[in-house]
Amino acid sequence: MGPHGVNVNAIAPTAVRTEMNAYLLDDPGFLEAFLPRVPAGRVGQPDDIAGSAVFLASSASDFVHGHLLYVDGGYTAV
């Protein structure tokens, strides 16, 4: 789509607290197993994702094409 002026990119978050998954992220057993695998040491918040979306929607990303932006606190790096 680049020749048509369209950048196609994606954001790949890990566990991000929302109303829909709060029950899981409030479960001590889940957090005990999950958090050691996240170098940031915490669950993501919607604001953590928002900045990435703003970047990809802005002219600052005009030369970014076909990119999968991991916003996961380092989860995929482990």
Protein backbone atom coordinates (compact mmCIF):
# COMPACT_ATOMS: atom_id res chain seq x y z
CA MET A 1 0.00 0.00 0.00
CA GLY A 2 3.04 2.27 0.27
CA PRO A 3 2.80 3.41 -3.37
CA HIS A 4 -0.70 4.61 -2.55
CA GLY A 5 0.45 6.69 0.43
CA VAL A 6 -0.74 4.17 3.01
CA ASN A 7 1.57 2.90 5.75
CA VAL A 8 0.56 -0.52 7.04
CA ASN A 9 1.88 -1.17 10.53
CA ALA A 10 0.63 -2.88 13.67
CA ILE A 11 0.97 -2.64 17.43
CA ALA A 12 1.52 -5.88 19.36
CA PRO A 13 0.81 -5.35 23.03
CA THR A 14 1.00 -7.94 25.76
CA ALA A 15 -1.32 -7.94 28.76
CA VAL A 16 -2.79 -4.46 29.02
CA ARG A 17 -5.26 -3.71 31.80
CA THR A 18 -8.78 -3.11 30.53
CA GLU A 19 -12.22 -3.66 31.99
CA MET A 20 -12.48 -6.82 29.92
CA ASN A 21 -9.43 -8.53 31.45
CA ALA A 22 -9.27 -6.95 34.92
CA TYR A 23 -10.48 -10.20 36.51
CA LEU A 24 -7.43 -12.01 35.14
CA LEU A 25 -4.93 -9.27 35.91
CA ASP A 26 -6.24 -9.06 39.48
CA ASP A 27 -5.61 -12.79 39.99
CA PRO A 28 -2.47 -13.19 42.15
CA GLY A 29 -1.80 -16.61 40.62
CA PHE A 30 -1.76 -15.20 37.10
CA LEU A 31 0.48 -12.30 38.07
CA GLU A 32 2.87 -14.61 39.93
CA ALA A 33 3.37 -16.62 36.73
CA PHE A 34 3.25 -13.73 34.27
CA LEU A 35 5.21 -10.85 35.78
CA PRO A 36 8.59 -12.66 36.07
CA ARG A 37 8.47 -12.95 32.25
CA VAL A 38 8.05 -9.16 31.79
CA PRO A 39 11.29 -7.21 32.16
CA ALA A 40 9.30 -4.02 32.89
CA GLY A 41 7.88 -5.88 35.92
CA ARG A 42 4.32 -4.72 35.49
CA VAL A 43 1.17 -5.09 33.46
CA GLY A 44 0.66 -2.55 30.68
CA GLN A 45 -1.79 0.33 30.87
CA PRO A 46 -3.78 1.80 27.98
CA ASP A 47 -1.55 4.89 28.07
CA ASP A 48 1.42 2.65 27.29
CA ILE A 49 -0.20 1.76 23.97
CA ALA A 50 -1.62 5.20 23.18
CA GLY A 51 1.76 6.80 22.54
CA SER A 52 2.64 4.13 20.00
CA ALA A 53 -0.67 4.61 18.22
CA VAL A 54 -0.14 8.38 18.11
CA PHE A 55 3.35 7.85 16.67
CA LEU A 56 2.12 5.50 13.94
CA ALA A 57 -0.74 7.86 13.09
CA SER A 58 1.56 10.89 12.87
CA SER A 59 3.86 12.12 10.15
CA ALA A 60 6.78 11.07 12.39
CA SER A 61 6.23 7.53 11.07
CA ASP A 62 5.95 8.42 7.37
CA PHE A 63 8.92 6.18 6.52
CA VAL A 64 7.78 3.28 8.72
CA HIS A 65 6.21 0.57 6.57
CA GLY A 66 5.33 -3.02 7.37
CA HIS A 67 6.42 -2.81 10.99
CA LEU A 68 5.07 -4.75 13.96
CA LEU A 69 5.73 -2.56 17.01
CA TYR A 70 5.92 -4.64 20.17
CA VAL A 71 4.68 -2.62 23.15
CA ASP A 72 4.97 -5.37 25.70
CA GLY A 73 7.35 -4.33 28.47
CA GLY A 74 10.03 -6.58 27.00
CA TYR A 75 7.91 -9.75 27.15
CA THR A 76 8.94 -10.92 23.67
CA ALA A 77 12.62 -10.18 24.36
CA VAL A 78 12.80 -12.83 27.09
